[in-house]
PDB file of N, CA and C in Angstrom:
ATOM      1  N   UNK A   1     -23.490  15.322   1.798  1.00  0.00           N
ATOM      2  CA  UNK A   1     -24.112  14.730   0.158  1.00  0.00           C
ATOM      3  C   UNK A   1     -23.069  13.663  -0.428  1.00  0.00           C
ATOM      4  N   UNK A   2     -23.729  12.842  -0.458  1.00  0.00           N
ATOM      5  CA  UNK A   2     -22.405  11.611  -1.414  1.00  0.00           C
ATOM      6  C   UNK A   2     -22.975  11.912  -2.731  1.00  0.00           C
ATOM      7  N   UNK A   3     -20.616  11.735  -3.053  1.00  0.00           N
ATOM      8  CA  UNK A   3     -21.048  12.160  -4.452  1.00  0.00           C
ATOM      9  C   UNK A   3     -19.901  11.088  -5.304  1.00  0.00           C
ATOM     10  N   UNK A   4     -20.186  10.718  -5.899  1.00  0.00           N
ATOM     11  CA  UNK A   4     -18.843   9.667  -7.536  1.00  0.00           C
ATOM     12  C   UNK A   4     -17.656  10.199  -7.326  1.00  0.00           C
ATOM     13  N   UNK A   5     -16.778   9.203  -6.995  1.00  0.00           N
ATOM     14  CA  UNK A   5     -15.738   9.742  -7.453  1.00  0.00           C
ATOM     15  C   UNK A   5     -15.153   9.103  -8.097  1.00  0.00           C
ATOM     16  N   UNK A   6     -14.117   9.626  -9.852  1.00  0.00           N
ATOM     17  CA  UNK A   6     -13.786   8.531 -10.475  1.00  0.00           C
ATOM     18  C   UNK A   6     -11.996   8.970 -10.601  1.00  0.00           C
ATOM     19  N   UNK A   7     -11.228   7.627 -10.346  1.00  0.00           N
ATOM     20  CA  UNK A   7      -9.618   7.879  -9.900  1.00  0.00           C
ATOM     21  C   UNK A   7      -9.629   8.149 -10.683  1.00  0.00           C
ATOM     22  N   UNK A   8      -9.969   8.780 -11.959  1.00  0.00           N
ATOM     23  CA  UNK A   8      -8.442   9.253 -13.619  1.00  0.00           C
ATOM     24  C   UNK A   8      -8.662  11.038 -12.714  1.00  0.00           C
ATOM     25  N   UNK A   9     -10.212  11.730 -11.869  1.00  0.00           N
ATOM     26  CA  UNK A   9     -10.171  12.586 -11.611  1.00  0.00           C
ATOM     27  C   UNK A   9      -9.073  13.049 -10.177  1.00  0.00           C
ATOM     28  N   UNK A  10      -8.714  11.631  -9.646  1.00  0.00           N
ATOM     29  CA  UNK A  10      -7.812  11.869  -8.530  1.00  0.00           C
ATOM     30  C   UNK A  10      -5.987  11.467  -8.949  1.00  0.00           C
ATOM     31  N   UNK A  11      -5.611  12.840  -8.095  1.00  0.00           N
ATOM     32  CA  UNK A  11      -4.419  13.889  -8.396  1.00  0.00           C
ATOM     33  C   UNK A  11      -3.841  12.322  -8.093  1.00  0.00           C
ATOM     34  N   UNK A  12      -2.217  11.791  -8.992  1.00  0.00           N
ATOM     35  CA  UNK A  12      -1.044  10.859  -8.885  1.00  0.00           C
ATOM     36  C   UNK A  12      -0.538  11.253  -8.159  1.00  0.00           C
ATOM     37  N   UNK A  13       0.508  11.208  -7.017  1.00  0.00           N
ATOM     38  CA  UNK A  13       1.662  11.856  -6.502  1.00  0.00           C
ATOM     39  C   UNK A  13       2.278  10.840  -6.804  1.00  0.00           C
ATOM     40  N   UNK A  14       3.860  11.845  -7.279  1.00  0.00           N
ATOM     41  CA  UNK A  14       4.691  10.821  -6.811  1.00  0.00           C
ATOM     42  C   UNK A  14       5.510  11.321  -5.526  1.00  0.00           C
ATOM     43  N   UNK A  15       5.867   9.440  -5.296  1.00  0.00           N
ATOM     44  CA  UNK A  15       6.501   9.109  -3.800  1.00  0.00           C
ATOM     45  C   UNK A  15       7.692   9.332  -3.763  1.00  0.00           C
ATOM     46  N   UNK A  16       8.378   8.344  -4.267  1.00  0.00           N
ATOM     47  CA  UNK A  16       9.447   7.993  -5.318  1.00  0.00           C
ATOM     48  C   UNK A  16       9.318   8.081  -7.201  1.00  0.00           C
ATOM     49  N   UNK A  17      10.756   8.517  -7.546  1.00  0.00           N
ATOM     50  CA  UNK A  17      10.154   8.088  -8.792  1.00  0.00           C
ATOM     51  C   UNK A  17       9.648   6.285  -8.650  1.00  0.00           C
ATOM     52  N   UNK A  18       9.797   5.033  -8.447  1.00  0.00           N
ATOM     53  CA  UNK A  18       9.718   4.228  -8.391  1.00  0.00           C
ATOM     54  C   UNK A  18       8.158   4.030  -8.189  1.00  0.00           C
ATOM     55  N   UNK A  19       7.210   5.034  -7.371  1.00  0.00           N
ATOM     56  CA  UNK A  19       6.321   5.188  -6.047  1.00  0.00           C
ATOM     57  C   UNK A  19       4.721   5.707  -6.552  1.00  0.00           C
ATOM     58  N   UNK A  20       3.932   5.246  -6.967  1.00  0.00           N
ATOM     59  CA  UNK A  20       3.217   6.445  -7.450  1.00  0.00           C
ATOM     60  C   UNK A  20       2.125   5.849  -6.411  1.00  0.00           C
ATOM     61  N   UNK A  21       0.917   7.226  -6.212  1.00  0.00           N
ATOM     62  CA  UNK A  21      -0.156   6.927  -5.156  1.00  0.00           C
ATOM     63  C   UNK A  21      -1.536   7.894  -5.978  1.00  0.00           C
ATOM     64  N   UNK A  22      -1.960   7.360  -5.566  1.00  0.00           N
ATOM     65  CA  UNK A  22      -3.858   8.660  -5.663  1.00  0.00           C
ATOM     66  C   UNK A  22      -4.760   7.562  -4.306  1.00  0.00           C
ATOM     67  N   UNK A  23      -5.134   8.546  -3.711  1.00  0.00           N
ATOM     68  CA  UNK A  23      -6.108   7.516  -2.434  1.00  0.00           C
ATOM     69  C   UNK A  23      -7.076   8.289  -2.175  1.00  0.00           C
ATOM     70  N   UNK A  24      -7.816   7.853  -1.900  1.00  0.00           N
ATOM     71  CA  UNK A  24      -8.971   8.064  -1.435  1.00  0.00           C
ATOM     72  C   UNK A  24      -9.590   7.866   0.212  1.00  0.00           C
ATOM     73  N   UNK A  25     -10.411   9.035   0.705  1.00  0.00           N
ATOM     74  CA  UNK A  25     -10.367   8.649   2.465  1.00  0.00           C
ATOM     75  C   UNK A  25     -11.854   8.552   2.865  1.00  0.00           C
ATOM     76  N   UNK A  26     -11.873   8.751   4.174  1.00  0.00           N
ATOM     77  CA  UNK A  26     -13.763   8.495   4.266  1.00  0.00           C
ATOM     78  C   UNK A  26     -13.125   8.635   6.026  1.00  0.00           C
ATOM     79  N   UNK A  27     -13.817   9.562   6.413  1.00  0.00           N
ATOM     80  CA  UNK A  27     -13.305   9.189   8.539  1.00  0.00           C
ATOM     81  C   UNK A  27     -12.908   8.288   8.678  1.00  0.00           C
ATOM     82  N   UNK A  28     -13.192   6.752   8.646  1.00  0.00           N
ATOM     83  CA  UNK A  28     -13.082   5.424   9.156  1.00  0.00           C
ATOM     84  C   UNK A  28     -12.228   4.308   8.094  1.00  0.00           C
ATOM     85  N   UNK A  29     -11.947   5.109   6.322  1.00  0.00           N
ATOM     86  CA  UNK A  29     -11.776   4.528   5.694  1.00  0.00           C
ATOM     87  C   UNK A  29     -11.287   4.555   4.834  1.00  0.00           C
ATOM     88  N   UNK A  30      -9.524   4.158   4.008  1.00  0.00           N
ATOM     89  CA  UNK A  30      -9.176   4.752   2.901  1.00  0.00           C
ATOM     90  C   UNK A  30      -8.762   3.679   1.919  1.00  0.00           C
ATOM     91  N   UNK A  31      -8.518   4.172   0.743  1.00  0.00           N
ATOM     92  CA  UNK A  31      -8.408   3.456  -0.456  1.00  0.00           C
ATOM     93  C   UNK A  31      -6.900   4.276  -1.453  1.00  0.00           C
ATOM     94  N   UNK A  32      -5.921   3.794  -1.119  1.00  0.00           N
ATOM     95  CA  UNK A  32      -5.020   4.774  -2.340  1.00  0.00           C
ATOM     96  C   UNK A  32      -4.897   2.927  -3.427  1.00  0.00           C
ATOM     97  N   UNK A  33      -4.948   3.663  -4.212  1.00  0.00           N
ATOM     98  CA  UNK A  33      -4.275   3.145  -5.933  1.00  0.00           C
ATOM     99  C   UNK A  33      -2.615   2.878  -6.117  1.00  0.00           C
ATOM    100  N   UNK A  34      -1.864   2.042  -6.603  1.00  0.00           N
ATOM    101  CA  UNK A  34      -0.729   2.720  -6.260  1.00  0.00           C
ATOM    102  C   UNK A  34      -0.248   1.915  -7.177  1.00  0.00           C
ATOM    103  N   UNK A  35       1.570   2.414  -8.237  1.00  0.00           N
ATOM    104  CA  UNK A  35       1.598   1.924  -9.186  1.00  0.00           C
ATOM    105  C   UNK A  35       3.357   1.940  -8.633  1.00  0.00           C
ATOM    106  N   UNK A  36       3.908   0.919  -8.819  1.00  0.00           N
ATOM    107  CA  UNK A  36       5.556   0.239  -8.306  1.00  0.00           C
ATOM    108  C   UNK A  36       5.985   0.021  -9.557  1.00  0.00           C
ATOM    109  N   UNK A  37       7.936   0.820 -10.234  1.00  0.00           N
ATOM    110  CA  UNK A  37       8.459  -0.554 -10.897  1.00  0.00           C
ATOM    111  C   UNK A  37       9.117  -1.523  -9.919  1.00  0.00           C
ATOM    112  N   UNK A  38       8.882  -2.141 -10.976  1.00  0.00           N
ATOM    113  CA  UNK A  38       9.938  -2.979 -10.631  1.00  0.00           C
ATOM    114  C   UNK A  38      11.715  -3.097  -9.481  1.00  0.00           C
ATOM    115  N   UNK A  39      11.645  -3.711  -7.796  1.00  0.00           N
ATOM    116  CA  UNK A  39      12.502  -3.606  -6.843  1.00  0.00           C
ATOM    117  C   UNK A  39      12.092  -2.606  -6.428  1.00  0.00           C
ATOM    118  N   UNK A  40      11.195  -1.890  -6.076  1.00  0.00           N
ATOM    119  CA  UNK A  40      10.207  -0.870  -5.464  1.00  0.00           C
ATOM    120  C   UNK A  40      10.494  -1.529  -3.649  1.00  0.00           C
ATOM    121  N   UNK A  41      11.199  -1.394  -2.648  1.00  0.00           N
ATOM    122  CA  UNK A  41      11.260  -1.923  -1.406  1.00  0.00           C
ATOM    123  C   UNK A  41      10.195  -1.122  -0.556  1.00  0.00           C
ATOM    124  N   UNK A  42       9.070  -1.818   0.756  1.00  0.00           N
ATOM    125  CA  UNK A  42       9.029  -0.952   1.009  1.00  0.00           C
ATOM    126  C   UNK A  42       9.537  -1.724   2.452  1.00  0.00           C
ATOM    127  N   UNK A  43      10.678   0.102   3.323  1.00  0.00           N
ATOM    128  CA  UNK A  43      11.200  -0.799   4.401  1.00  0.00           C
ATOM    129  C   UNK A  43      10.283  -2.153   5.234  1.00  0.00           C
ATOM    130  N   UNK A  44      10.357  -2.361   6.010  1.00  0.00           N
ATOM    131  CA  UNK A  44      10.071  -3.448   7.139  1.00  0.00           C
ATOM    132  C   UNK A  44       9.761  -2.334   8.371  1.00  0.00           C
ATOM    133  N   UNK A  45       7.816  -2.188   8.236  1.00  0.00           N
ATOM    134  CA  UNK A  45       7.739  -1.134   9.186  1.00  0.00           C
ATOM    135  C   UNK A  45       6.035  -1.722   9.907  1.00  0.00           C
ATOM    136  N   UNK A  46       5.790  -1.206  10.748  1.00  0.00           N
ATOM    137  CA  UNK A  46       4.480  -1.714  11.388  1.00  0.00           C
ATOM    138  C   UNK A  46       3.908  -0.247  12.036  1.00  0.00           C
ATOM    139  N   UNK A  47       2.203  -0.491  11.902  1.00  0.00           N
ATOM    140  CA  UNK A  47       1.000   0.383  11.599  1.00  0.00           C
ATOM    141  C   UNK A  47      -0.304  -0.581  12.137  1.00  0.00           C
ATOM    142  N   UNK A  48      -1.523   0.840  13.368  1.00  0.00           N
ATOM    143  CA  UNK A  48      -1.985   0.353  13.858  1.00  0.00           C
ATOM    144  C   UNK A  48      -3.251   0.441  12.752  1.00  0.00           C
ATOM    145  N   UNK A  49      -3.108   0.174  11.388  1.00  0.00           N
ATOM    146  CA  UNK A  49      -4.134  -0.399  10.850  1.00  0.00           C
ATOM    147  C   UNK A  49      -4.331  -1.377  10.450  1.00  0.00           C
ATOM    148  N   UNK A  50      -5.432  -1.827  10.106  1.00  0.00           N
ATOM    149  CA  UNK A  50      -5.581  -2.802   9.003  1.00  0.00           C
ATOM    150  C   UNK A  50      -5.803  -2.852   8.183  1.00  0.00           C
ATOM    151  N   UNK A  51      -5.271  -4.058   7.328  1.00  0.00           N
ATOM    152  CA  UNK A  51      -4.378  -3.496   5.679  1.00  0.00           C
ATOM    153  C   UNK A  51      -4.827  -4.499   5.270  1.00  0.00           C
ATOM    154  N   UNK A  52      -5.517  -4.174   4.264  1.00  0.00           N
ATOM    155  CA  UNK A  52      -6.224  -5.259   2.732  1.00  0.00           C
ATOM    156  C   UNK A  52      -5.150  -4.710   1.221  1.00  0.00           C
ATOM    157  N   UNK A  53      -4.727  -6.414   0.737  1.00  0.00           N
ATOM    158  CA  UNK A  53      -3.993  -5.553  -0.513  1.00  0.00           C
ATOM    159  C   UNK A  53      -4.144  -6.027  -1.647  1.00  0.00           C
ATOM    160  N   UNK A  54      -4.401  -5.434  -2.411  1.00  0.00           N
ATOM    161  CA  UNK A  54      -5.089  -7.097  -3.480  1.00  0.00           C
ATOM    162  C   UNK A  54      -4.138  -6.372  -4.701  1.00  0.00           C
ATOM    163  N   UNK A  55      -3.365  -7.118  -5.013  1.00  0.00           N
ATOM    164  CA  UNK A  55      -3.006  -6.904  -6.275  1.00  0.00           C
ATOM    165  C   UNK A  55      -3.664  -6.934  -7.864  1.00  0.00           C
ATOM    166  N   UNK A  56      -3.413  -6.185  -8.574  1.00  0.00           N
ATOM    167  CA  UNK A  56      -4.434  -6.033  -9.637  1.00  0.00           C
ATOM    168  C   UNK A  56      -3.068  -6.302 -10.915  1.00  0.00           C
ATOM    169  N   UNK A  57      -1.861  -6.265 -11.390  1.00  0.00           N
ATOM    170  CA  UNK A  57      -0.675  -6.414 -11.662  1.00  0.00           C
ATOM    171  C   UNK A  57       0.951  -6.750 -11.422  1.00  0.00           C
ATOM    172  N   UNK A  58       1.353  -8.175 -11.741  1.00  0.00           N
ATOM    173  CA  UNK A  58       2.541  -7.963 -11.278  1.00  0.00           C
ATOM    174  C   UNK A  58       2.242  -9.086  -9.747  1.00  0.00           C
ATOM    175  N   UNK A  59       4.115  -9.204  -9.519  1.00  0.00           N
ATOM    176  CA  UNK A  59       3.769  -9.736  -7.626  1.00  0.00           C
ATOM    177  C   UNK A  59       4.768  -8.973  -6.148  1.00  0.00           C
ATOM    178  N   UNK A  60       4.174  -9.242  -5.293  1.00  0.00           N
ATOM    179  CA  UNK A  60       4.058  -8.859  -4.387  1.00  0.00           C
ATOM    180  C   UNK A  60       5.073  -8.911  -3.622  1.00  0.00           C
ATOM    181  N   UNK A  61       6.190  -9.902  -3.115  1.00  0.00           N
ATOM    182  CA  UNK A  61       6.771 -10.818  -2.170  1.00  0.00           C
ATOM    183  C   UNK A  61       6.653 -10.034  -0.858  1.00  0.00           C
ATOM    184  N   UNK A  62       6.197 -10.191   0.057  1.00  0.00           N
ATOM    185  CA  UNK A  62       5.840  -9.562   1.672  1.00  0.00           C
ATOM    186  C   UNK A  62       6.402 -10.503   2.685  1.00  0.00           C
ATOM    187  N   UNK A  63       7.521  -9.711   3.438  1.00  0.00           N
ATOM    188  CA  UNK A  63       7.737 -10.600   5.057  1.00  0.00           C
ATOM    189  C   UNK A  63       7.106  -9.957   5.872  1.00  0.00           C
ATOM    190  N   UNK A  64       7.177 -10.609   6.647  1.00  0.00           N
ATOM    191  CA  UNK A  64       6.088 -10.975   7.811  1.00  0.00           C
ATOM    192  C   UNK A  64       6.787 -10.796   9.029  1.00  0.00           C
ATOM    193  N   UNK A  65       6.566 -10.522  10.777  1.00  0.00           N
ATOM    194  CA  UNK A  65       6.658 -11.205  11.530  1.00  0.00           C
ATOM    195  C   UNK A  65       8.300  -9.589  11.773  1.00  0.00           C
ATOM    196  N   UNK A  66       8.651  -9.644  13.711  1.00  0.00           N
ATOM    197  CA  UNK A  66       9.442  -8.179  13.229  1.00  0.00           C
ATOM    198  C   UNK A  66      11.443  -9.086  12.838  1.00  0.00           C
ATOM    199  N   UNK A  67      11.189 -10.525  12.820  1.00  0.00           N
ATOM    200  CA  UNK A  67      12.204 -11.186  12.493  1.00  0.00           C
ATOM    201  C   UNK A  67      12.532 -11.696  11.220  1.00  0.00           C
ATOM    202  N   UNK A  68      11.344 -11.729  10.200  1.00  0.00           N
ATOM    203  CA  UNK A  68      10.774 -11.168   8.462  1.00  0.00           C
ATOM    204  C   UNK A  68      10.852 -12.951   8.852  1.00  0.00           C
ATOM    205  N   UNK A  69      10.054 -13.763   9.167  1.00  0.00           N
ATOM    206  CA  UNK A  69       9.791 -15.169   9.077  1.00  0.00           C
ATOM    207  C   UNK A  69       9.171 -15.827   8.270  1.00  0.00           C
ATOM    208  N   UNK A  70       7.980 -15.450   7.606  1.00  0.00           N
ATOM    209  CA  UNK A  70       7.258 -15.635   7.159  1.00  0.00           C
ATOM    210  C   UNK A  70       7.452 -14.341   5.677  1.00  0.00           C
ATOM    211  N   UNK A  71       7.188 -15.117   4.736  1.00  0.00           N
ATOM    212  CA  UNK A  71       7.305 -15.128   3.364  1.00  0.00           C
ATOM    213  C   UNK A  71       6.423 -15.366   2.487  1.00  0.00           C
ATOM    214  N   UNK A  72       5.273 -14.499   1.763  1.00  0.00           N
ATOM    215  CA  UNK A  72       4.145 -14.232   1.429  1.00  0.00           C
ATOM    216  C   UNK A  72       3.862 -13.435  -0.009  1.00  0.00           C
ATOM    217  N   UNK A  73       4.473 -14.419  -1.338  1.00  0.00           N
ATOM    218  CA  UNK A  73       3.806 -13.736  -3.049  1.00  0.00           C
ATOM    219  C   UNK A  73       2.738 -14.220  -3.387  1.00  0.00           C
ATOM    220  N   UNK A  74       2.886 -12.322  -3.252  1.00  0.00           N
ATOM    221  CA  UNK A  74       1.068 -12.269  -4.059  1.00  0.00           C
ATOM    222  C   UNK A  74       0.863 -11.835  -4.886  1.00  0.00           C
ATOM    223  N   UNK A  75       0.639 -12.559  -5.853  1.00  0.00           N
ATOM    224  CA  UNK A  75       0.080 -11.706  -7.095  1.00  0.00           C
ATOM    225  C   UNK A  75      -0.875 -11.757  -8.334  1.00  0.00           C
ATOM    226  N   UNK A  76      -1.098 -11.248  -9.114  1.00  0.00           N
ATOM    227  CA  UNK A  76      -2.265 -10.429  -9.690  1.00  0.00           C
ATOM    228  C   UNK A  76      -3.630 -11.258  -9.646  1.00  0.00           C
ATOM    229  N   UNK A  77      -4.605 -10.894  -9.302  1.00  0.00           N
ATOM    230  CA  UNK A  77      -5.676 -11.716  -8.239  1.00  0.00           C
ATOM    231  C   UNK A  77      -5.459 -11.701  -7.333  1.00  0.00           C
ATOM    232  N   UNK A  78      -4.561 -11.579  -6.307  1.00  0.00           N
ATOM    233  CA  UNK A  78      -4.650 -12.428  -4.737  1.00  0.00           C
ATOM    234  C   UNK A  78      -4.825 -11.238  -4.043  1.00  0.00           C
ATOM    235  N   UNK A  79      -5.101 -11.683  -3.040  1.00  0.00           N
ATOM    236  CA  UNK A  79      -5.191 -10.914  -1.956  1.00  0.00           C
ATOM    237  C   UNK A  79      -4.493 -11.010  -0.575  1.00  0.00           C
ATOM    238  N   UNK A  80      -4.237 -10.303   0.416  1.00  0.00           N
ATOM    239  CA  UNK A  80      -4.008 -10.581   1.890  1.00  0.00           C
ATOM    240  C   UNK A  80      -4.379  -9.870   2.787  1.00  0.00           C
ATOM    241  N   UNK A  81      -4.748 -10.032   3.433  1.00  0.00           N
ATOM    242  CA  UNK A  81      -5.116  -9.520   4.832  1.00  0.00           C
ATOM    243  C   UNK A  81      -4.258  -9.289   6.660  1.00  0.00           C
ATOM    244  N   UNK A  82      -3.956  -8.056   6.531  1.00  0.00           N
ATOM    245  CA  UNK A  82      -2.863  -7.653   7.214  1.00  0.00           C
ATOM    246  C   UNK A  82      -4.026  -7.296   8.797  1.00  0.00           C
ATOM    247  N   UNK A  83      -3.038  -8.271   9.795  1.00  0.00           N
ATOM    248  CA  UNK A  83      -3.624  -7.527  10.413  1.00  0.00           C
ATOM    249  C   UNK A  83      -2.689  -5.920  11.038  1.00  0.00           C
ATOM    250  N   UNK A  84      -3.736  -5.018  12.029  1.00  0.00           N
ATOM    251  CA  UNK A  84      -2.662  -4.350  12.683  1.00  0.00           C
ATOM    252  C   UNK A  84      -1.748  -4.845  13.252  1.00  0.00           C
ATOM    253  N   UNK A  85      -0.448  -3.946  13.454  1.00  0.00           N
ATOM    254  CA  UNK A  85       0.738  -4.098  14.067  1.00  0.00           C
ATOM    255  C   UNK A  85       1.380  -5.297  14.056  1.00  0.00           C
ATOM    256  N   UNK A  86       1.326  -5.640  12.697  1.00  0.00           N
ATOM    257  CA  UNK A  86       1.891  -6.688  12.192  1.00  0.00           C
ATOM    258  C   UNK A  86       2.988  -5.438  11.558  1.00  0.00           C
ATOM    259  N   UNK A  87       4.143  -6.287  11.998  1.00  0.00           N
ATOM    260  CA  UNK A  87       5.478  -6.266  11.017  1.00  0.00           C
ATOM    261  C   UNK A  87       5.171  -6.956  10.069  1.00  0.00           C
ATOM    262  N   UNK A  88       6.260  -5.805   8.802  1.00  0.00           N
ATOM    263  CA  UNK A  88       5.591  -6.211   7.082  1.00  0.00           C
ATOM    264  C   UNK A  88       7.205  -5.545   6.771  1.00  0.00           C
ATOM    265  N   UNK A  89       7.216  -6.260   5.288  1.00  0.00           N
ATOM    266  CA  UNK A  89       8.273  -5.174   4.610  1.00  0.00           C
ATOM    267  C   UNK A  89       7.773  -5.941   3.610  1.00  0.00           C
ATOM    268  N   UNK A  90       7.997  -5.345   2.668  1.00  0.00           N
ATOM    269  CA  UNK A  90       7.813  -5.200   0.454  1.00  0.00           C
ATOM    270  C   UNK A  90       8.860  -5.415  -0.206  1.00  0.00           C
ATOM    271  N   UNK A  91       8.795  -6.050  -1.961  1.00  0.00           N
ATOM    272  CA  UNK A  91       9.309  -6.047  -2.957  1.00  0.00           C
ATOM    273  C   UNK A  91       8.255  -6.258  -3.277  1.00  0.00           C
ATOM    274  N   UNK A  92       8.623  -5.279  -4.588  1.00  0.00           N
ATOM    275  CA  UNK A  92       7.851  -4.896  -5.816  1.00  0.00           C
ATOM    276  C   UNK A  92       8.707  -6.388  -7.235  1.00  0.00           C
ATOM    277  N   UNK A  93       7.866  -7.418  -7.786  1.00  0.00           N
ATOM    278  CA  UNK A  93       8.923  -7.462  -8.452  1.00  0.00           C
ATOM    279  C   UNK A  93       8.049  -7.613  -9.540  1.00  0.00           C
ATOM    280  N   UNK A  94       8.697  -7.194 -10.894  1.00  0.00           N
ATOM    281  CA  UNK A  94       8.103  -6.716 -11.390  1.00  0.00           C
ATOM    282  C   UNK A  94       7.091  -5.913 -11.494  1.00  0.00           C
ATOM    283  N   UNK A  95       6.836  -4.834 -12.446  1.00  0.00           N
ATOM    284  CA  UNK A  95       5.659  -3.654 -12.631  1.00  0.00           C
ATOM    285  C   UNK A  95       4.540  -3.625 -11.857  1.00  0.00           C
ATOM    286  N   UNK A  96       4.092  -3.494 -10.696  1.00  0.00           N
ATOM    287  CA  UNK A  96       2.987  -3.259  -9.754  1.00  0.00           C
ATOM    288  C   UNK A  96       2.152  -2.566  -9.823  1.00  0.00           C
ATOM    289  N   UNK A  97       0.693  -3.265 -10.211  1.00  0.00           N
ATOM    290  CA  UNK A  97      -0.447  -2.573  -9.616  1.00  0.00           C
ATOM    291  C   UNK A  97      -0.979  -2.635  -8.557  1.00  0.00           C
ATOM    292  N   UNK A  98      -1.363  -2.269  -7.967  1.00  0.00           N
ATOM    293  CA  UNK A  98      -2.636  -2.691  -6.464  1.00  0.00           C
ATOM    294  C   UNK A  98      -2.854  -1.731  -6.074  1.00  0.00           C
ATOM    295  N   UNK A  99      -3.839  -2.132  -4.942  1.00  0.00           N
ATOM    296  CA  UNK A  99      -4.768  -0.818  -4.294  1.00  0.00           C
ATOM    297  C   UNK A  99      -4.478  -1.903  -2.417  1.00  0.00           C
ATOM    298  N   UNK A 100      -4.660  -0.678  -1.938  1.00  0.00           N
ATOM    299  CA  UNK A 100      -4.597  -0.576  -0.732  1.00  0.00           C
ATOM    300  C   UNK A 100      -5.839  -0.441  -0.043  1.00  0.00           C
ATOM    301  N   UNK A 101      -6.272  -1.221   1.152  1.00  0.00           N
ATOM    302  CA  UNK A 101      -7.232  -0.135   2.176  1.00  0.00           C
ATOM    303  C   UNK A 101      -6.574  -0.223   3.754  1.00  0.00           C
ATOM    304  N   UNK A 102      -7.220   0.972   4.680  1.00  0.00           N
ATOM    305  CA  UNK A 102      -6.779   0.911   5.363  1.00  0.00           C
ATOM    306  C   UNK A 102      -8.202   0.848   6.218  1.00  0.00           C
ATOM    307  N   UNK A 103      -8.161   1.040   7.381  1.00  0.00           N
ATOM    308  CA  UNK A 103      -9.232   1.285   8.633  1.00  0.00           C
ATOM    309  C   UNK A 103      -7.960   1.406   9.516  1.00  0.00           C
ATOM    310  N   UNK A 104      -7.844   2.124  10.808  1.00  0.00           N
ATOM    311  CA  UNK A 104      -8.835   3.201   9.984  1.00  0.00           C
ATOM    312  C   UNK A 104      -8.048   3.784   8.723  1.00  0.00           C
ATOM    313  N   UNK A 105      -8.051   5.607   8.566  1.00  0.00           N
ATOM    314  CA  UNK A 105      -7.347   6.164   7.232  1.00  0.00           C
ATOM    315  C   UNK A 105      -5.848   6.343   7.906  1.00  0.00           C
ATOM    316  N   UNK A 106      -4.963   5.605   7.367  1.00  0.00           N
ATOM    317  CA  UNK A 106      -4.014   6.048   7.507  1.00  0.00           C
ATOM    318  C   UNK A 106      -3.443   7.858   7.639  1.00  0.00           C
ATOM    319  N   UNK A 107      -2.963   8.083   8.778  1.00  0.00           N
ATOM    320  CA  UNK A 107      -2.446   9.512   9.629  1.00  0.00           C
ATOM    321  C   UNK A 107      -1.573   9.967   8.294  1.00  0.00           C
ATOM    322  N   UNK A 108      -0.028   9.301   8.753  1.00  0.00           N
ATOM    323  CA  UNK A 108       0.810   9.206   8.711  1.00  0.00           C
ATOM    324  C   UNK A 108       0.966  10.245   6.345  1.00  0.00           C
ATOM    325  N   UNK A 109       0.040   9.182   5.829  1.00  0.00           N
ATOM    326  CA  UNK A 109       0.040   9.153   3.801  1.00  0.00           C
ATOM    327  C   UNK A 109      -0.860  10.397   3.958  1.00  0.00           C
ATOM    328  N   UNK A 110      -1.864  10.912   4.830  1.00  0.00           N
ATOM    329  CA  UNK A 110      -2.534  12.255   4.897  1.00  0.00           C
ATOM    330  C   UNK A 110      -1.956  13.521   5.333  1.00  0.00           C
ATOM    331  N   UNK A 111      -0.829  13.259   6.282  1.00  0.00           N
ATOM    332  CA  UNK A 111      -0.441  14.954   6.151  1.00  0.00           C
ATOM    333  C   UNK A 111       1.131  14.592   6.063  1.00  0.00           C
ATOM    334  N   UNK A 112       1.690  13.303   5.149  1.00  0.00           N
ATOM    335  CA  UNK A 112       2.965  13.237   4.959  1.00  0.00           C
ATOM    336  C   UNK A 112       3.774  13.194   5.785  1.00  0.00           C
ATOM    337  N   UNK A 113       4.016  12.917   6.753  1.00  0.00           N
ATOM    338  CA  UNK A 113       4.553  12.132   7.325  1.00  0.00           C
ATOM    339  C   UNK A 113       5.137  11.208   7.071  1.00  0.00           C
ATOM    340  N   UNK A 114       5.051  10.193   6.009  1.00  0.00           N
ATOM    341  CA  UNK A 114       5.545   8.839   5.817  1.00  0.00           C
ATOM    342  C   UNK A 114       6.498   8.748   5.045  1.00  0.00           C
ATOM    343  N   UNK A 115       7.568   9.061   6.216  1.00  0.00           N
ATOM    344  CA  UNK A 115       9.410   9.139   5.446  1.00  0.00           C
ATOM    345  C   UNK A 115       9.873   7.586   4.895  1.00  0.00           C
ATOM    346  N   UNK A 116       9.582   7.063   6.241  1.00  0.00           N
ATOM    347  CA  UNK A 116       9.456   5.465   5.038  1.00  0.00           C
ATOM    348  C   UNK A 116       9.921   5.479   4.301  1.00  0.00           C
ATOM    349  N   UNK A 117       9.314   5.920   3.322  1.00  0.00           N
ATOM    350  CA  UNK A 117       9.142   5.210   2.521  1.00  0.00           C
ATOM    351  C   UNK A 117       9.568   5.729   1.307  1.00  0.00           C
ATOM    352  N   UNK A 118      10.241   6.814   1.921  1.00  0.00           N
ATOM    353  CA  UNK A 118      10.297   8.036   0.786  1.00  0.00           C
ATOM    354  C   UNK A 118      12.638   8.057   0.692  1.00  0.00           C
ATOM    355  N   UNK A 119      12.764   7.356   1.138  1.00  0.00           N
ATOM    356  CA  UNK A 119      14.374   7.193   2.015  1.00  0.00           C
ATOM    357  C   UNK A 119      14.908   5.897   0.368  1.00  0.00           C
TER     358      UNK A 119
END
């Protein structure tokens, strides 16, 4: 049976004092709406999941590649598509609101083993 989901009904998790997220997922896709405070940094990491990041507020500066050789600023109203296995790091410039979509779902986010975010 298909059920309608309101983001307001999805519990918001405080991952750190500077990162908050709400997650919905199916068997093959996952969507997270997130809020970040200025200066939050996602450390360099990679995963096999394809990722689409859509920024609604603020700016996310991404570094791509093992040597962080490519830098892209993604502003409100812009998106970026990351292929699986691409190393990336991110810095929130200003308070940021964004939506990430992954295929398949991020197992580490669902089972709580995403420690790289909590350091």
